[in-house]
Each structure stands twice: as structure tokens, then as C-alpha cells.
Amino acid sequence: MNFNVVLLCMHNLFRNFGGMKPHETIDFHIRWVWAKISRMYNQEAAKHGGTMSIGYILLNIEKEGTHSTKLGPKMGMEARSLTRTLKTMEDDGLIFREIDPKDRRKVRVFLTEKGKKMRERSKETVLAFNSLVHERISPEALENCIHVLQELNGLLDDMRAENESTNHSNPIADV
């Protein structure tokens, strides 16, 4: 299930059944911040003919190539979205694919020279934003934030595993 849909479900659940206002829910704040970060990265990427998703993929392709099947799980992208984005990237001359000589069933994705240049721009953008975050937010606050986000991620993983083991259809657990 799409992350935005999960957050919307959680948001509506709390608002309608818990008596909480939207700004009192954790998902409201995560969605609010993520929307701003996503918009910022997409605006910067658009200046160079890309998107945030393309930049993220570029940053996750290793010099010796990366198996296309490893990219999705590494980045939390669904296979269909990844396949579509890789096709666009290949058409735009950012990547090329080769059959893995060690296992002909697998395909490795490599960066072209154009892809390497765009990867460098993506890296600079991410580093600049992270530098600003580190300038404005104390190390302790960042450590706490990361800890809470990791805990939430674990909670969502647990919910998914529980849902899969019981075969119940729960929109919040189908994450």
C-alpha cells in the first residue's frame, strides 16, 4: 500500500474515531514534512530535467552496477514504479542495462556519463540539505528524531508481518 494512503488512513482514523485533531497525530507531521522535502527535491531536480525518484535511484546505483531487483527494496519502491522510472532513465540516457555475466538471469544497471553528472548534482543537493539540517537542529534532537522514525518503521514492519500471518485485510496494517 502507498505510504501516503497509509498516512491518510491513520489521519482519518484518529480524527474520526479518536477525537484527535489532525495536527495532534504523528502521521500528520510526518506527511507535512515529507511533502515539503519531496517538493524541494523535485523542484531542484526539475532544474536539471529530473525528479526526486530519478535522483534517488541514481544515488543507489553502485559503480560496478546494481542488480535491478535490488534497487526496489533498497529504496522502498514498488516494482512497477521502479520499472517505469528505469525505462524513463534509460530513454533519457542516464543508465544502461547489461546482463550479469555471472548469472544471466539477472540484469545490472549502470550509470552513463550523463547519469554520473546528474548523480553528482543529486548528491550535492542531498548533502546541502543535510548540512542545513545539522546547522539548525541539535545532534541530540536529530538522534532522537532518527530513533523515533526507526521505531515507527519497526512498528509498521511488525504490523505488516502480523497482518500477513493472520491474512486479515487491515488498511493500516497493509503497509
Protein backbone atom coordinates (compact mmCIF):
# COMPACT_ATOMS: atom_id res chain seq x y z
CA MET A 1 0.00 0.00 0.00
CA ASN A 2 1.18 3.50 -0.78
CA PHE A 3 2.73 5.36 2.17
CA ASN A 4 0.52 8.41 1.57
CA VAL A 5 -2.60 6.23 1.67
CA VAL A 6 -1.46 4.70 4.98
CA LEU A 7 -0.93 8.14 6.47
CA LEU A 8 -4.31 9.31 5.21
CA CYS A 9 -5.97 6.23 6.75
CA MET A 10 -4.21 6.83 10.07
CA HIS A 11 -5.07 10.53 9.93
CA ASN A 12 -8.76 9.85 9.29
CA LEU A 13 -8.89 7.09 11.88
CA PHE A 14 -7.59 9.36 14.61
CA ARG A 15 -9.73 12.29 13.54
CA ASN A 16 -12.96 10.37 13.20
CA PHE A 17 -12.65 7.84 16.00
CA GLY A 18 -10.09 9.11 18.44
CA GLY A 19 -11.30 12.64 18.79
CA MET A 20 -7.84 13.91 17.89
CA LYS A 21 -7.29 16.88 15.66
CA PRO A 22 -5.09 16.25 12.60
CA HIS A 23 -2.15 18.22 13.98
CA GLU A 24 -2.23 16.02 17.09
CA THR A 25 -1.35 12.87 15.12
CA ILE A 26 2.18 11.73 14.32
CA ASP A 27 1.27 10.91 10.72
CA PHE A 28 0.15 14.50 10.09
CA HIS A 29 3.61 15.82 10.97
CA ILE A 30 5.47 13.12 9.04
CA ARG A 31 3.32 13.72 5.94
CA TRP A 32 3.63 17.51 6.29
CA VAL A 33 7.43 17.44 6.49
CA TRP A 34 7.81 14.76 3.82
CA ALA A 35 5.63 16.74 1.39
CA LYS A 36 7.90 19.76 1.83
CA ILE A 37 11.10 17.73 1.45
CA SER A 38 9.72 15.95 -1.61
CA ARG A 39 8.64 19.24 -3.19
CA MET A 40 12.06 20.81 -2.53
CA TYR A 41 13.93 17.85 -4.09
CA ASN A 42 11.56 17.70 -7.06
CA GLN A 43 11.92 21.42 -7.73
CA GLU A 44 15.70 21.15 -7.63
CA ALA A 45 15.71 18.02 -9.82
CA ALA A 46 13.38 19.67 -12.35
CA LYS A 47 16.03 22.36 -12.97
CA HIS A 48 18.17 19.55 -14.43
CA GLY A 49 15.42 17.57 -16.16
CA GLY A 50 14.93 15.03 -13.39
CA THR A 51 12.72 14.07 -10.48
CA MET A 52 13.36 13.16 -6.88
CA SER A 53 12.78 9.48 -7.72
CA ILE A 54 15.36 9.59 -10.50
CA GLY A 55 17.87 11.30 -8.20
CA TYR A 56 17.28 8.71 -5.51
CA ILE A 57 17.81 5.85 -7.96
CA LEU A 58 20.99 7.48 -9.28
CA LEU A 59 22.34 7.70 -5.73
CA ASN A 60 21.68 3.99 -5.20
CA ILE A 61 23.40 2.63 -8.31
CA GLU A 62 26.88 1.41 -7.46
CA LYS A 63 29.93 1.91 -9.70
CA GLU A 64 30.11 -1.81 -10.52
CA GLY A 65 26.41 -1.76 -11.36
CA THR A 66 23.45 -2.74 -9.28
CA HIS A 67 21.02 -5.59 -9.88
CA SER A 68 17.73 -4.04 -10.89
CA THR A 69 15.88 -6.35 -8.49
CA LYS A 70 17.90 -4.96 -5.55
CA LEU A 71 17.02 -1.32 -6.24
CA GLY A 72 13.32 -1.50 -5.31
CA PRO A 73 13.71 -2.99 -1.83
CA LYS A 74 16.77 -0.82 -1.17
CA MET A 75 14.72 2.31 -1.80
CA GLY A 76 11.23 1.23 -0.79
CA MET A 77 9.89 1.49 -4.35
CA GLU A 78 7.35 -0.87 -5.82
CA ALA A 79 8.48 -2.93 -8.81
CA ARG A 80 6.06 -1.27 -11.26
CA SER A 81 7.15 2.26 -10.34
CA LEU A 82 10.81 1.26 -10.45
CA THR A 83 10.46 -0.42 -13.86
CA ARG A 84 8.72 2.64 -15.30
CA THR A 85 11.32 5.02 -13.86
CA LEU A 86 14.25 2.88 -15.06
CA LYS A 87 12.74 2.85 -18.57
CA THR A 88 12.49 6.67 -18.50
CA MET A 89 16.07 6.93 -17.23
CA GLU A 90 17.31 4.61 -19.96
CA ASP A 91 15.41 6.59 -22.62
CA ASP A 92 16.96 9.80 -21.24
CA GLY A 93 20.48 8.33 -21.44
CA LEU A 94 21.10 8.26 -17.67
CA ILE A 95 21.53 4.50 -17.32
CA PHE A 96 22.14 1.38 -19.36
CA ARG A 97 21.47 -2.24 -18.53
CA GLU A 98 23.62 -5.31 -19.05
CA ILE A 99 23.01 -8.97 -18.39
CA ASP A 100 25.11 -10.11 -15.43
CA PRO A 101 27.87 -12.38 -16.82
CA LYS A 102 27.88 -14.41 -13.57
CA ASP A 103 24.12 -15.01 -13.63
CA ARG A 104 22.47 -14.47 -17.00
CA ARG A 105 19.03 -14.36 -15.36
CA LYS A 106 19.92 -11.04 -13.69
CA VAL A 107 20.35 -7.58 -15.13
CA ARG A 108 22.74 -4.95 -13.77
CA VAL A 109 22.03 -1.24 -14.06
CA PHE A 110 24.94 1.14 -14.73
CA LEU A 111 25.23 4.91 -14.92
CA THR A 112 26.16 6.60 -18.18
CA GLU A 113 28.36 9.72 -18.13
CA LYS A 114 25.20 11.83 -18.18
CA GLY A 115 23.84 9.75 -15.29
CA LYS A 116 27.06 10.24 -13.31
CA LYS A 117 26.79 14.01 -13.72
CA MET A 118 23.16 14.03 -12.60
CA ARG A 119 24.07 11.73 -9.70
CA GLU A 120 26.68 14.28 -8.58
CA ARG A 121 24.07 17.07 -8.68
CA SER A 122 21.69 14.89 -6.67
CA LYS A 123 24.40 14.14 -4.13
CA GLU A 124 25.23 17.84 -3.76
CA THR A 125 21.55 18.67 -3.20
CA VAL A 126 21.12 15.99 -0.53
CA LEU A 127 24.35 16.99 1.21
CA ALA A 128 23.41 20.69 1.16
CA PHE A 129 20.01 19.98 2.72
CA ASN A 130 21.51 17.67 5.34
CA SER A 131 24.16 20.27 6.15
CA LEU A 132 21.44 22.86 6.72
CA VAL A 133 19.53 20.44 8.95
CA HIS A 134 22.67 19.79 11.01
CA GLU A 135 23.29 23.53 11.35
CA ARG A 136 19.79 24.23 12.63
CA ILE A 137 18.95 21.16 14.70
CA SER A 138 20.98 19.89 17.63
CA PRO A 139 22.71 16.49 17.38
CA GLU A 140 20.58 15.24 20.29
CA ALA A 141 17.32 16.26 18.62
CA LEU A 142 18.38 14.65 15.34
CA GLU A 143 19.39 11.46 17.13
CA ASN A 144 16.01 11.36 18.88
CA CYS A 145 14.18 12.02 15.61
CA ILE A 146 16.02 9.22 13.83
CA HIS A 147 15.40 6.88 16.75
CA VAL A 148 11.65 7.62 16.70
CA LEU A 149 11.47 7.15 12.92
CA GLN A 150 13.30 3.81 13.22
CA GLU A 151 10.87 2.74 15.93
CA LEU A 152 7.92 3.71 13.74
CA ASN A 153 9.43 1.77 10.84
CA GLY A 154 9.79 -1.29 13.07
CA LEU A 155 6.21 -0.89 14.28
CA LEU A 156 4.97 -0.79 10.69
CA ASP A 157 7.07 -3.86 9.82
CA ASP A 158 5.56 -5.68 12.80
CA MET A 159 2.05 -4.66 11.73
CA ARG A 160 2.70 -5.94 8.21
CA ALA A 161 4.08 -9.26 9.48
CA GLU A 162 1.14 -9.70 11.84
CA ASN A 163 -1.29 -8.91 9.04
CA GLU A 164 0.39 -11.41 6.70
CA SER A 165 0.34 -14.13 9.34
CA THR A 166 -3.36 -13.69 10.08
CA ASN A 167 -4.43 -12.91 6.50
CA HIS A 168 -6.69 -10.12 7.71
CA SER A 169 -7.38 -7.19 5.47
CA ASN A 170 -6.49 -4.16 7.54
CA PRO A 171 -5.72 -0.98 5.57
CA ILE A 172 -3.42 0.30 8.29
CA ALA A 173 -1.50 -2.96 8.54
CA ASP A 174 -1.24 -3.40 4.76
CA VAL A 175 1.88 -1.24 4.63
